[in-house]
Amino acid sequence: MITEHGIIPIPDHYTCIIDLLCRARKLEEARNFINKMPCHPDMVGWATLLSSCRVHGDMEIVKWAADSLIESKPQNPASYVLLSSLYAAKGKWNEVAKLRKGMRDKRVKKEPGYSWIK
């Protein structure tokens, strides 16, 4: 991008590449791309990868991505909730319990959702 177009990539550009690789079912390539990025993916990049892994059933990359996300943002409940949902969908209830215990131990709380509809 820099040499051909004179554009310095910003984090959104990297997130788009992650999305494109995930949509093409190239999850391992997406992981390699993330490992070579000069910055860490934002929440959208990680969520894109995690969602694609859920759709395609790649629990190895799910674990790696979730651990990376939790390590970078340990107080963000969205990371835990997304991973917990993925484990539950696969019937890995022991993993769900460990994750929820970890949330309690770290005092990470998910705020309940609200609706304007009555």
PDB file of N, CA and C in Angstrom:
ATOM      1  N   MET A   1       0.818  -1.192   0.000  1.00  0.00           N
ATOM      2  CA  MET A   1       0.000   0.000   0.000  1.00  0.00           C
ATOM      3  C   MET A   1       0.864   1.260   0.000  1.00  0.00           C
ATOM      4  N   ILE A   2       1.911   1.207   0.793  1.00  0.00           N
ATOM      5  CA  ILE A   2       2.752   2.396   0.913  1.00  0.00           C
ATOM      6  C   ILE A   2       3.518   2.638  -0.380  1.00  0.00           C
ATOM      7  N   THR A   3       4.161   1.583  -0.904  1.00  0.00           N
ATOM      8  CA  THR A   3       4.999   1.779  -2.089  1.00  0.00           C
ATOM      9  C   THR A   3       4.182   1.981  -3.360  1.00  0.00           C
ATOM     10  N   GLU A   4       3.075   1.272  -3.500  1.00  0.00           N
ATOM     11  CA  GLU A   4       2.295   1.385  -4.735  1.00  0.00           C
ATOM     12  C   GLU A   4       1.340   2.569  -4.751  1.00  0.00           C
ATOM     13  N   HIS A   5       0.754   2.888  -3.592  1.00  0.00           N
ATOM     14  CA  HIS A   5      -0.285   3.919  -3.569  1.00  0.00           C
ATOM     15  C   HIS A   5       0.042   5.119  -2.679  1.00  0.00           C
ATOM     16  N   GLY A   6       1.130   5.030  -1.925  1.00  0.00           N
ATOM     17  CA  GLY A   6       1.506   6.135  -1.053  1.00  0.00           C
ATOM     18  C   GLY A   6       0.572   6.295   0.144  1.00  0.00           C
ATOM     19  N   ILE A   7      -0.109   5.215   0.513  1.00  0.00           N
ATOM     20  CA  ILE A   7      -1.054   5.261   1.636  1.00  0.00           C
ATOM     21  C   ILE A   7      -0.473   4.495   2.813  1.00  0.00           C
ATOM     22  N   ILE A   8      -0.430   5.144   3.949  1.00  0.00           N
ATOM     23  CA  ILE A   8       0.014   4.476   5.169  1.00  0.00           C
ATOM     24  C   ILE A   8      -1.207   3.815   5.797  1.00  0.00           C
ATOM     25  N   PRO A   9      -1.169   2.486   5.965  1.00  0.00           N
ATOM     26  CA  PRO A   9      -2.356   1.803   6.506  1.00  0.00           C
ATOM     27  C   PRO A   9      -2.648   2.201   7.943  1.00  0.00           C
ATOM     28  N   ILE A  10      -3.942   2.322   8.231  1.00  0.00           N
ATOM     29  CA  ILE A  10      -4.405   2.595   9.594  1.00  0.00           C
ATOM     30  C   ILE A  10      -5.064   1.312  10.110  1.00  0.00           C
ATOM     31  N   PRO A  11      -5.373   1.228  11.389  1.00  0.00           N
ATOM     32  CA  PRO A  11      -5.967  -0.007  11.932  1.00  0.00           C
ATOM     33  C   PRO A  11      -7.205  -0.500  11.179  1.00  0.00           C
ATOM     34  N   ASP A  12      -8.030   0.392  10.659  1.00  0.00           N
ATOM     35  CA  ASP A  12      -9.213  -0.033   9.905  1.00  0.00           C
ATOM     36  C   ASP A  12      -8.846  -0.823   8.653  1.00  0.00           C
ATOM     37  N   HIS A  13      -7.729  -0.480   8.017  1.00  0.00           N
ATOM     38  CA  HIS A  13      -7.292  -1.229   6.848  1.00  0.00           C
ATOM     39  C   HIS A  13      -6.967  -2.671   7.235  1.00  0.00           C
ATOM     40  N   TYR A  14      -6.285  -2.834   8.361  1.00  0.00           N
ATOM     41  CA  TYR A  14      -5.934  -4.176   8.826  1.00  0.00           C
ATOM     42  C   TYR A  14      -7.190  -4.972   9.172  1.00  0.00           C
ATOM     43  N   THR A  15      -8.166  -4.315   9.784  1.00  0.00           N
ATOM     44  CA  THR A  15      -9.421  -4.976  10.133  1.00  0.00           C
ATOM     45  C   THR A  15     -10.140  -5.446   8.872  1.00  0.00           C
ATOM     46  N   CYS A  16     -10.092  -4.659   7.811  1.00  0.00           N
ATOM     47  CA  CYS A  16     -10.725  -5.048   6.548  1.00  0.00           C
ATOM     48  C   CYS A  16     -10.063  -6.293   5.964  1.00  0.00           C
ATOM     49  N   ILE A  17      -8.740  -6.360   6.048  1.00  0.00           N
ATOM     50  CA  ILE A  17      -8.022  -7.538   5.539  1.00  0.00           C
ATOM     51  C   ILE A  17      -8.404  -8.768   6.353  1.00  0.00           C
ATOM     52  N   ILE A  18      -8.488  -8.617   7.676  1.00  0.00           N
ATOM     53  CA  ILE A  18      -8.907  -9.738   8.533  1.00  0.00           C
ATOM     54  C   ILE A  18     -10.293 -10.205   8.099  1.00  0.00           C
ATOM     55  N   ASP A  19     -11.203  -9.261   7.879  1.00  0.00           N
ATOM     56  CA  ASP A  19     -12.562  -9.589   7.458  1.00  0.00           C
ATOM     57  C   ASP A  19     -12.563 -10.324   6.121  1.00  0.00           C
ATOM     58  N   LEU A  20     -11.791  -9.836   5.162  1.00  0.00           N
ATOM     59  CA  LEU A  20     -11.745 -10.478   3.843  1.00  0.00           C
ATOM     60  C   LEU A  20     -11.214 -11.906   3.936  1.00  0.00           C
ATOM     61  N   LEU A  21     -10.158 -12.098   4.714  1.00  0.00           N
ATOM     62  CA  LEU A  21      -9.606 -13.442   4.875  1.00  0.00           C
ATOM     63  C   LEU A  21     -10.620 -14.373   5.551  1.00  0.00           C
ATOM     64  N   CYS A  22     -11.313 -13.859   6.541  1.00  0.00           N
ATOM     65  CA  CYS A  22     -12.308 -14.676   7.244  1.00  0.00           C
ATOM     66  C   CYS A  22     -13.481 -15.036   6.336  1.00  0.00           C
ATOM     67  N   ARG A  23     -13.921 -14.095   5.535  1.00  0.00           N
ATOM     68  CA  ARG A  23     -15.030 -14.374   4.620  1.00  0.00           C
ATOM     69  C   ARG A  23     -14.641 -15.410   3.573  1.00  0.00           C
ATOM     70  N   ALA A  24     -13.345 -15.458   3.245  1.00  0.00           N
ATOM     71  CA  ALA A  24     -12.838 -16.444   2.279  1.00  0.00           C
ATOM     72  C   ALA A  24     -12.485 -17.768   2.953  1.00  0.00           C
ATOM     73  N   ARG A  25     -12.820 -17.891   4.257  1.00  0.00           N
ATOM     74  CA  ARG A  25     -12.542 -19.102   5.053  1.00  0.00           C
ATOM     75  C   ARG A  25     -11.050 -19.375   5.199  1.00  0.00           C
ATOM     76  N   LYS A  26     -10.246 -18.350   5.123  1.00  0.00           N
ATOM     77  CA  LYS A  26      -8.792 -18.490   5.273  1.00  0.00           C
ATOM     78  C   LYS A  26      -8.406 -18.041   6.682  1.00  0.00           C
ATOM     79  N   LEU A  27      -8.871 -18.810   7.663  1.00  0.00           N
ATOM     80  CA  LEU A  27      -8.687 -18.430   9.067  1.00  0.00           C
ATOM     81  C   LEU A  27      -7.236 -18.528   9.506  1.00  0.00           C
ATOM     82  N   GLU A  28      -6.539 -19.517   9.018  1.00  0.00           N
ATOM     83  CA  GLU A  28      -5.119 -19.648   9.365  1.00  0.00           C
ATOM     84  C   GLU A  28      -4.323 -18.489   8.766  1.00  0.00           C
ATOM     85  N   GLU A  29      -4.668 -18.086   7.551  1.00  0.00           N
ATOM     86  CA  GLU A  29      -4.017 -16.922   6.945  1.00  0.00           C
ATOM     87  C   GLU A  29      -4.337 -15.660   7.740  1.00  0.00           C
ATOM     88  N   ALA A  30      -5.565 -15.555   8.231  1.00  0.00           N
ATOM     89  CA  ALA A  30      -5.937 -14.399   9.047  1.00  0.00           C
ATOM     90  C   ALA A  30      -5.091 -14.375  10.318  1.00  0.00           C
ATOM     91  N   ARG A  31      -4.891 -15.541  10.943  1.00  0.00           N
ATOM     92  CA  ARG A  31      -4.064 -15.594  12.148  1.00  0.00           C
ATOM     93  C   ARG A  31      -2.629 -15.181  11.823  1.00  0.00           C
ATOM     94  N   ASN A  32      -2.078 -15.690  10.721  1.00  0.00           N
ATOM     95  CA  ASN A  32      -0.716 -15.313  10.333  1.00  0.00           C
ATOM     96  C   ASN A  32      -0.613 -13.817  10.047  1.00  0.00           C
ATOM     97  N   PHE A  33      -1.633 -13.273   9.399  1.00  0.00           N
ATOM     98  CA  PHE A  33      -1.662 -11.841   9.107  1.00  0.00           C
ATOM     99  C   PHE A  33      -1.646 -11.026  10.399  1.00  0.00           C
ATOM    100  N   ILE A  34      -2.471 -11.432  11.364  1.00  0.00           N
ATOM    101  CA  ILE A  34      -2.534 -10.731  12.641  1.00  0.00           C
ATOM    102  C   ILE A  34      -1.182 -10.780  13.343  1.00  0.00           C
ATOM    103  N   ASN A  35      -0.524 -11.940  13.300  1.00  0.00           N
ATOM    104  CA  ASN A  35       0.786 -12.066  13.945  1.00  0.00           C
ATOM    105  C   ASN A  35       1.844 -11.169  13.311  1.00  0.00           C
ATOM    106  N   LYS A  36       1.665 -10.821  12.034  1.00  0.00           N
ATOM    107  CA  LYS A  36       2.638  -9.977  11.331  1.00  0.00           C
ATOM    108  C   LYS A  36       2.280  -8.493  11.338  1.00  0.00           C
ATOM    109  N   MET A  37       1.077  -8.172  11.843  1.00  0.00           N
ATOM    110  CA  MET A  37       0.641  -6.776  11.849  1.00  0.00           C
ATOM    111  C   MET A  37       1.533  -5.931  12.757  1.00  0.00           C
ATOM    112  N   PRO A  38       1.758  -4.663  12.409  1.00  0.00           N
ATOM    113  CA  PRO A  38       2.558  -3.793  13.263  1.00  0.00           C
ATOM    114  C   PRO A  38       1.814  -3.310  14.514  1.00  0.00           C
ATOM    115  N   CYS A  39       0.499  -3.563  14.568  1.00  0.00           N
ATOM    116  CA  CYS A  39      -0.311  -3.175  15.723  1.00  0.00           C
ATOM    117  C   CYS A  39      -1.250  -4.333  16.046  1.00  0.00           C
ATOM    118  N   HIS A  40      -1.867  -4.263  17.208  1.00  0.00           N
ATOM    119  CA  HIS A  40      -2.839  -5.291  17.572  1.00  0.00           C
ATOM    120  C   HIS A  40      -4.183  -4.965  16.935  1.00  0.00           C
ATOM    121  N   PRO A  41      -4.950  -5.989  16.566  1.00  0.00           N
ATOM    122  CA  PRO A  41      -6.285  -5.712  16.023  1.00  0.00           C
ATOM    123  C   PRO A  41      -7.162  -5.039  17.069  1.00  0.00           C
ATOM    124  N   ASP A  42      -8.137  -4.274  16.588  1.00  0.00           N
ATOM    125  CA  ASP A  42      -9.100  -3.673  17.508  1.00  0.00           C
ATOM    126  C   ASP A  42     -10.183  -4.703  17.825  1.00  0.00           C
ATOM    127  N   MET A  43     -11.146  -4.304  18.623  1.00  0.00           N
ATOM    128  CA  MET A  43     -12.220  -5.201  19.041  1.00  0.00           C
ATOM    129  C   MET A  43     -12.979  -5.761  17.837  1.00  0.00           C
ATOM    130  N   VAL A  44     -13.184  -4.947  16.807  1.00  0.00           N
ATOM    131  CA  VAL A  44     -13.910  -5.393  15.615  1.00  0.00           C
ATOM    132  C   VAL A  44     -13.122  -6.480  14.881  1.00  0.00           C
ATOM    133  N   GLY A  45     -11.817  -6.302  14.783  1.00  0.00           N
ATOM    134  CA  GLY A  45     -10.986  -7.313  14.127  1.00  0.00           C
ATOM    135  C   GLY A  45     -11.050  -8.654  14.834  1.00  0.00           C
ATOM    136  N   TRP A  46     -10.921  -8.614  16.167  1.00  0.00           N
ATOM    137  CA  TRP A  46     -10.997  -9.857  16.943  1.00  0.00           C
ATOM    138  C   TRP A  46     -12.379 -10.474  16.837  1.00  0.00           C
ATOM    139  N   ALA A  47     -13.427  -9.666  16.946  1.00  0.00           N
ATOM    140  CA  ALA A  47     -14.800 -10.183  16.875  1.00  0.00           C
ATOM    141  C   ALA A  47     -15.072 -10.817  15.513  1.00  0.00           C
ATOM    142  N   THR A  48     -14.540 -10.219  14.455  1.00  0.00           N
ATOM    143  CA  THR A  48     -14.694 -10.771  13.108  1.00  0.00           C
ATOM    144  C   THR A  48     -14.064 -12.152  13.029  1.00  0.00           C
ATOM    145  N   LEU A  49     -12.861 -12.267  13.546  1.00  0.00           N
ATOM    146  CA  LEU A  49     -12.163 -13.551  13.525  1.00  0.00           C
ATOM    147  C   LEU A  49     -12.912 -14.582  14.374  1.00  0.00           C
ATOM    148  N   LEU A  50     -13.326 -14.195  15.565  1.00  0.00           N
ATOM    149  CA  LEU A  50     -14.032 -15.123  16.449  1.00  0.00           C
ATOM    150  C   LEU A  50     -15.362 -15.580  15.838  1.00  0.00           C
ATOM    151  N   SER A  51     -16.088 -14.672  15.248  1.00  0.00           N
ATOM    152  CA  SER A  51     -17.362 -15.032  14.632  1.00  0.00           C
ATOM    153  C   SER A  51     -17.159 -15.992  13.461  1.00  0.00           C
ATOM    154  N   SER A  52     -16.152 -15.745  12.667  1.00  0.00           N
ATOM    155  CA  SER A  52     -15.860 -16.636  11.542  1.00  0.00           C
ATOM    156  C   SER A  52     -15.440 -18.017  12.028  1.00  0.00           C
ATOM    157  N   CYS A  53     -14.676 -18.046  13.100  1.00  0.00           N
ATOM    158  CA  CYS A  53     -14.272 -19.334  13.661  1.00  0.00           C
ATOM    159  C   CYS A  53     -15.484 -20.099  14.161  1.00  0.00           C
ATOM    160  N   ARG A  54     -16.442 -19.396  14.729  1.00  0.00           N
ATOM    161  CA  ARG A  54     -17.667 -20.046  15.195  1.00  0.00           C
ATOM    162  C   ARG A  54     -18.416 -20.657  14.019  1.00  0.00           C
ATOM    163  N   VAL A  55     -18.555 -19.888  12.947  1.00  0.00           N
ATOM    164  CA  VAL A  55     -19.281 -20.361  11.765  1.00  0.00           C
ATOM    165  C   VAL A  55     -18.586 -21.571  11.149  1.00  0.00           C
ATOM    166  N   HIS A  56     -17.254 -21.531  11.092  1.00  0.00           N
ATOM    167  CA  HIS A  56     -16.495 -22.591  10.425  1.00  0.00           C
ATOM    168  C   HIS A  56     -15.990 -23.660  11.385  1.00  0.00           C
ATOM    169  N   GLY A  57     -16.257 -23.514  12.683  1.00  0.00           N
ATOM    170  CA  GLY A  57     -15.930 -24.549  13.664  1.00  0.00           C
ATOM    171  C   GLY A  57     -14.461 -24.701  14.003  1.00  0.00           C
ATOM    172  N   ASP A  58     -13.680 -23.650  13.880  1.00  0.00           N
ATOM    173  CA  ASP A  58     -12.248 -23.739  14.175  1.00  0.00           C
ATOM    174  C   ASP A  58     -11.986 -23.317  15.616  1.00  0.00           C
ATOM    175  N   MET A  59     -12.074 -24.269  16.536  1.00  0.00           N
ATOM    176  CA  MET A  59     -11.923 -23.959  17.960  1.00  0.00           C
ATOM    177  C   MET A  59     -10.479 -23.656  18.345  1.00  0.00           C
ATOM    178  N   GLU A  60      -9.518 -24.129  17.577  1.00  0.00           N
ATOM    179  CA  GLU A  60      -8.107 -23.829  17.881  1.00  0.00           C
ATOM    180  C   GLU A  60      -7.835 -22.328  17.737  1.00  0.00           C
ATOM    181  N   ILE A  61      -8.295 -21.756  16.642  1.00  0.00           N
ATOM    182  CA  ILE A  61      -8.085 -20.320  16.420  1.00  0.00           C
ATOM    183  C   ILE A  61      -8.985 -19.519  17.359  1.00  0.00           C
ATOM    184  N   VAL A  62     -10.174 -20.035  17.664  1.00  0.00           N
ATOM    185  CA  VAL A  62     -11.042 -19.364  18.640  1.00  0.00           C
ATOM    186  C   VAL A  62     -10.294 -19.178  19.948  1.00  0.00           C
ATOM    187  N   LYS A  63      -9.689 -20.242  20.431  1.00  0.00           N
ATOM    188  CA  LYS A  63      -8.974 -20.190  21.719  1.00  0.00           C
ATOM    189  C   LYS A  63      -7.824 -19.186  21.648  1.00  0.00           C
ATOM    190  N   TRP A  64      -7.057 -19.232  20.573  1.00  0.00           N
ATOM    191  CA  TRP A  64      -5.922 -18.317  20.416  1.00  0.00           C
ATOM    192  C   TRP A  64      -6.400 -16.858  20.375  1.00  0.00           C
ATOM    193  N   ALA A  65      -7.430 -16.593  19.568  1.00  0.00           N
ATOM    194  CA  ALA A  65      -7.933 -15.222  19.426  1.00  0.00           C
ATOM    195  C   ALA A  65      -8.527 -14.716  20.731  1.00  0.00           C
ATOM    196  N   ALA A  66      -9.313 -15.555  21.389  1.00  0.00           N
ATOM    197  CA  ALA A  66      -9.937 -15.133  22.645  1.00  0.00           C
ATOM    198  C   ALA A  66      -8.897 -14.883  23.719  1.00  0.00           C
ATOM    199  N   ASP A  67      -7.911 -15.762  23.819  1.00  0.00           N
ATOM    200  CA  ASP A  67      -6.841 -15.549  24.799  1.00  0.00           C
ATOM    201  C   ASP A  67      -6.086 -14.251  24.513  1.00  0.00           C
ATOM    202  N   SER A  68      -5.827 -13.988  23.248  1.00  0.00           N
ATOM    203  CA  SER A  68      -5.134 -12.749  22.872  1.00  0.00           C
ATOM    204  C   SER A  68      -5.974 -11.526  23.216  1.00  0.00           C
ATOM    205  N   LEU A  69      -7.271 -11.611  22.944  1.00  0.00           N
ATOM    206  CA  LEU A  69      -8.167 -10.498  23.233  1.00  0.00           C
ATOM    207  C   LEU A  69      -8.298 -10.264  24.732  1.00  0.00           C
ATOM    208  N   ILE A  70      -8.449 -11.346  25.487  1.00  0.00           N
ATOM    209  CA  ILE A  70      -8.569 -11.224  26.938  1.00  0.00           C
ATOM    210  C   ILE A  70      -7.274 -10.689  27.542  1.00  0.00           C
ATOM    211  N   GLU A  71      -6.142 -11.110  26.989  1.00  0.00           N
ATOM    212  CA  GLU A  71      -4.847 -10.612  27.477  1.00  0.00           C
ATOM    213  C   GLU A  71      -4.703  -9.117  27.216  1.00  0.00           C
ATOM    214  N   SER A  72      -5.177  -8.654  26.055  1.00  0.00           N
ATOM    215  CA  SER A  72      -5.014  -7.237  25.723  1.00  0.00           C
ATOM    216  C   SER A  72      -6.057  -6.353  26.408  1.00  0.00           C
ATOM    217  N   LYS A  73      -7.244  -6.906  26.672  1.00  0.00           N
ATOM    218  CA  LYS A  73      -8.320  -6.138  27.323  1.00  0.00           C
ATOM    219  C   LYS A  73      -8.986  -7.008  28.390  1.00  0.00           C
ATOM    220  N   PRO A  74      -8.276  -7.245  29.507  1.00  0.00           N
ATOM    221  CA  PRO A  74      -8.782  -8.189  30.510  1.00  0.00           C
ATOM    222  C   PRO A  74     -10.058  -7.749  31.221  1.00  0.00           C
ATOM    223  N   GLN A  75     -10.396  -6.484  31.207  1.00  0.00           N
ATOM    224  CA  GLN A  75     -11.598  -6.022  31.899  1.00  0.00           C
ATOM    225  C   GLN A  75     -12.792  -5.841  30.960  1.00  0.00           C
ATOM    226  N   ASN A  76     -12.639  -6.219  29.692  1.00  0.00           N
ATOM    227  CA  ASN A  76     -13.726  -6.079  28.732  1.00  0.00           C
ATOM    228  C   ASN A  76     -14.601  -7.335  28.771  1.00  0.00           C
ATOM    229  N   PRO A  77     -15.839  -7.228  29.254  1.00  0.00           N
ATOM    230  CA  PRO A  77     -16.684  -8.415  29.379  1.00  0.00           C
ATOM    231  C   PRO A  77     -17.087  -9.027  28.032  1.00  0.00           C
ATOM    232  N   ALA A  78     -17.073  -8.251  26.974  1.00  0.00           N
ATOM    233  CA  ALA A  78     -17.484  -8.764  25.666  1.00  0.00           C
ATOM    234  C   ALA A  78     -16.623  -9.946  25.225  1.00  0.00           C
ATOM    235  N   SER A  79     -15.346  -9.904  25.535  1.00  0.00           N
ATOM    236  CA  SER A  79     -14.437 -10.986  25.165  1.00  0.00           C
ATOM    237  C   SER A  79     -14.867 -12.289  25.829  1.00  0.00           C
ATOM    238  N   TYR A  80     -15.142 -12.208  27.103  1.00  0.00           N
ATOM    239  CA  TYR A  80     -15.536 -13.386  27.864  1.00  0.00           C
ATOM    240  C   TYR A  80     -16.890 -13.919  27.401  1.00  0.00           C
ATOM    241  N   VAL A  81     -17.821 -13.021  27.163  1.00  0.00           N
ATOM    242  CA  VAL A  81     -19.174 -13.416  26.763  1.00  0.00           C
ATOM    243  C   VAL A  81     -19.142 -14.103  25.402  1.00  0.00           C
ATOM    244  N   LEU A  82     -18.388 -13.551  24.462  1.00  0.00           N
ATOM    245  CA  LEU A  82     -18.299 -14.138  23.130  1.00  0.00           C
ATOM    246  C   LEU A  82     -17.672 -15.530  23.199  1.00  0.00           C
ATOM    247  N   LEU A  83     -16.582 -15.660  23.935  1.00  0.00           N
ATOM    248  CA  LEU A  83     -15.928 -16.957  24.058  1.00  0.00           C
ATOM    249  C   LEU A  83     -16.835 -17.953  24.779  1.00  0.00           C
ATOM    250  N   SER A  84     -17.505 -17.493  25.812  1.00  0.00           N
ATOM    251  CA  SER A  84     -18.426 -18.358  26.551  1.00  0.00           C
ATOM    252  C   SER A  84     -19.532 -18.879  25.634  1.00  0.00           C
ATOM    253  N   SER A  85     -20.063 -18.023  24.789  1.00  0.00           N
ATOM    254  CA  SER A  85     -21.108 -18.430  23.846  1.00  0.00           C
ATOM    255  C   SER A  85     -20.586 -19.469  22.844  1.00  0.00           C
ATOM    256  N   LEU A  86     -19.359 -19.269  22.405  1.00  0.00           N
ATOM    257  CA  LEU A  86     -18.771 -20.228  21.466  1.00  0.00           C
ATOM    258  C   LEU A  86     -18.580 -21.591  22.121  1.00  0.00           C
ATOM    259  N   TYR A  87     -18.087 -21.594  23.354  1.00  0.00           N
ATOM    260  CA  TYR A  87     -17.919 -22.859  24.074  1.00  0.00           C
ATOM    261  C   TYR A  87     -19.271 -23.529  24.309  1.00  0.00           C
ATOM    262  N   ALA A  88     -20.262 -22.750  24.691  1.00  0.00           N
ATOM    263  CA  ALA A  88     -21.591 -23.310  24.950  1.00  0.00           C
ATOM    264  C   ALA A  88     -22.181 -23.933  23.684  1.00  0.00           C
ATOM    265  N   ALA A  89     -21.991 -23.270  22.555  1.00  0.00           N
ATOM    266  CA  ALA A  89     -22.503 -23.794  21.285  1.00  0.00           C
ATOM    267  C   ALA A  89     -21.855 -25.129  20.930  1.00  0.00           C
ATOM    268  N   LYS A  90     -20.626 -25.328  21.371  1.00  0.00           N
ATOM    269  CA  LYS A  90     -19.913 -26.589  21.110  1.00  0.00           C
ATOM    270  C   LYS A  90     -20.126 -27.610  22.230  1.00  0.00           C
ATOM    271  N   GLY A  91     -20.896 -27.223  23.259  1.00  0.00           N
ATOM    272  CA  GLY A  91     -21.163 -28.144  24.364  1.00  0.00           C
ATOM    273  C   GLY A  91     -20.001 -28.308  25.328  1.00  0.00           C
ATOM    274  N   LYS A  92     -19.082 -27.356  25.348  1.00  0.00           N
ATOM    275  CA  LYS A  92     -17.918 -27.417  26.235  1.00  0.00           C
ATOM    276  C   LYS A  92     -18.241 -26.689  27.542  1.00  0.00           C
ATOM    277  N   TRP A  93     -19.090 -27.319  28.354  1.00  0.00           N
ATOM    278  CA  TRP A  93     -19.611 -26.679  29.554  1.00  0.00           C
ATOM    279  C   TRP A  93     -18.552 -26.493  30.626  1.00  0.00           C
ATOM    280  N   ASN A  94     -17.541 -27.365  30.682  1.00  0.00           N
ATOM    281  CA  ASN A  94     -16.448 -27.169  31.650  1.00  0.00           C
ATOM    282  C   ASN A  94     -15.676 -25.896  31.324  1.00  0.00           C
ATOM    283  N   GLU A  95     -15.470 -25.637  30.035  1.00  0.00           N
ATOM    284  CA  GLU A  95     -14.770 -24.422  29.613  1.00  0.00           C
ATOM    285  C   GLU A  95     -15.609 -23.180  29.934  1.00  0.00           C
ATOM    286  N   VAL A  96     -16.921 -23.289  29.743  1.00  0.00           N
ATOM    287  CA  VAL A  96     -17.821 -22.175  30.071  1.00  0.00           C
ATOM    288  C   VAL A  96     -17.705 -21.859  31.559  1.00  0.00           C
ATOM    289  N   ALA A  97     -17.727 -22.901  32.387  1.00  0.00           N
ATOM    290  CA  ALA A  97     -17.642 -22.705  33.840  1.00  0.00           C
ATOM    291  C   ALA A  97     -16.301 -22.076  34.228  1.00  0.00           C
ATOM    292  N   LYS A  98     -15.201 -22.527  33.625  1.00  0.00           N
ATOM    293  CA  LYS A  98     -13.873 -21.953  33.921  1.00  0.00           C
ATOM    294  C   LYS A  98     -13.836 -20.473  33.544  1.00  0.00           C
ATOM    295  N   LEU A  99     -14.399 -20.169  32.399  1.00  0.00           N
ATOM    296  CA  LEU A  99     -14.404 -18.788  31.920  1.00  0.00           C
ATOM    297  C   LEU A  99     -15.213 -17.895  32.851  1.00  0.00           C
ATOM    298  N   ARG A 100     -16.377 -18.352  33.258  1.00  0.00           N
ATOM    299  CA  ARG A 100     -17.214 -17.558  34.164  1.00  0.00           C
ATOM    300  C   ARG A 100     -16.546 -17.393  35.524  1.00  0.00           C
ATOM    301  N   LYS A 101     -15.864 -18.439  35.992  1.00  0.00           N
ATOM    302  CA  LYS A 101     -15.128 -18.333  37.260  1.00  0.00           C
ATOM    303  C   LYS A 101     -14.007 -17.305  37.119  1.00  0.00           C
ATOM    304  N   GLY A 102     -13.316 -17.335  35.977  1.00  0.00           N
ATOM    305  CA  GLY A 102     -12.275 -16.350  35.726  1.00  0.00           C
ATOM    306  C   GLY A 102     -12.811 -14.933  35.739  1.00  0.00           C
ATOM    307  N   MET A 103     -14.007 -14.747  35.197  1.00  0.00           N
ATOM    308  CA  MET A 103     -14.643 -13.418  35.220  1.00  0.00           C
ATOM    309  C   MET A 103     -14.915 -12.988  36.647  1.00  0.00           C
ATOM    310  N   ARG A 104     -15.443 -13.906  37.452  1.00  0.00           N
ATOM    311  CA  ARG A 104     -15.723 -13.571  38.851  1.00  0.00           C
ATOM    312  C   ARG A 104     -14.433 -13.248  39.596  1.00  0.00           C
ATOM    313  N   ASP A 105     -13.398 -14.057  39.380  1.00  0.00           N
ATOM    314  CA  ASP A 105     -12.119 -13.844  40.063  1.00  0.00           C
ATOM    315  C   ASP A 105     -11.502 -12.493  39.705  1.00  0.00           C
ATOM    316  N   LYS A 106     -11.671 -12.080  38.444  1.00  0.00           N
ATOM    317  CA  LYS A 106     -11.114 -10.805  37.983  1.00  0.00           C
ATOM    318  C   LYS A 106     -12.090  -9.650  38.166  1.00  0.00           C
ATOM    319  N   ARG A 107     -13.257  -9.965  38.719  1.00  0.00           N
ATOM    320  CA  ARG A 107     -14.311  -8.973  38.950  1.00  0.00           C
ATOM    321  C   ARG A 107     -14.750  -8.264  37.674  1.00  0.00           C
ATOM    322  N   VAL A 108     -14.846  -9.046  36.620  1.00  0.00           N
ATOM    323  CA  VAL A 108     -15.341  -8.536  35.347  1.00  0.00           C
ATOM    324  C   VAL A 108     -16.837  -8.808  35.318  1.00  0.00           C
ATOM    325  N   LYS A 109     -17.618  -7.769  35.113  1.00  0.00           N
ATOM    326  CA  LYS A 109     -19.069  -7.925  35.110  1.00  0.00           C
ATOM    327  C   LYS A 109     -19.641  -7.441  33.787  1.00  0.00           C
ATOM    328  N   LYS A 110     -20.574  -8.218  33.287  1.00  0.00           N
ATOM    329  CA  LYS A 110     -21.299  -7.818  32.083  1.00  0.00           C
ATOM    330  C   LYS A 110     -22.532  -7.035  32.526  1.00  0.00           C
ATOM    331  N   GLU A 111     -22.665  -5.870  31.986  1.00  0.00           N
ATOM    332  CA  GLU A 111     -23.849  -5.064  32.281  1.00  0.00           C
ATOM    333  C   GLU A 111     -25.034  -5.680  31.548  1.00  0.00           C
ATOM    334  N   PRO A 112     -26.175  -5.761  32.198  1.00  0.00           N
ATOM    335  CA  PRO A 112     -27.344  -6.325  31.519  1.00  0.00           C
ATOM    336  C   PRO A 112     -27.799  -5.434  30.373  1.00  0.00           C
ATOM    337  N   GLY A 113     -28.338  -6.061  29.345  1.00  0.00           N
ATOM    338  CA  GLY A 113     -28.840  -5.312  28.201  1.00  0.00           C
ATOM    339  C   GLY A 113     -30.179  -4.672  28.528  1.00  0.00           C
ATOM    340  N   TYR A 114     -30.472  -3.606  27.865  1.00  0.00           N
ATOM    341  CA  TYR A 114     -31.738  -2.903  28.049  1.00  0.00           C
ATOM    342  C   TYR A 114     -32.407  -2.752  26.688  1.00  0.00           C
ATOM    343  N   SER A 115     -33.711  -2.654  26.724  1.00  0.00           N
ATOM    344  CA  SER A 115     -34.474  -2.443  25.503  1.00  0.00           C
ATOM    345  C   SER A 115     -35.434  -1.276  25.695  1.00  0.00           C
ATOM    346  N   TRP A 116     -35.675  -0.549  24.625  1.00  0.00           N
ATOM    347  CA  TRP A 116     -36.629   0.531  24.670  1.00  0.00           C
ATOM    348  C   TRP A 116     -38.032   0.004  24.430  1.00  0.00           C
ATOM    349  N   ILE A 117     -38.121  -1.221  23.986  1.00  0.00           N
ATOM    350  CA  ILE A 117     -39.425  -1.815  23.707  1.00  0.00           C
ATOM    351  C   ILE A 117     -40.032  -2.323  24.996  1.00  0.00           C
ATOM    352  N   LYS A 118     -41.292  -1.992  25.227  1.00  0.00           N
ATOM    353  CA  LYS A 118     -41.969  -2.460  26.446  1.00  0.00           C
ATOM    354  C   LYS A 118     -42.997  -3.479  26.129  1.00  0.00           C
TER     355      LYS A 118
END
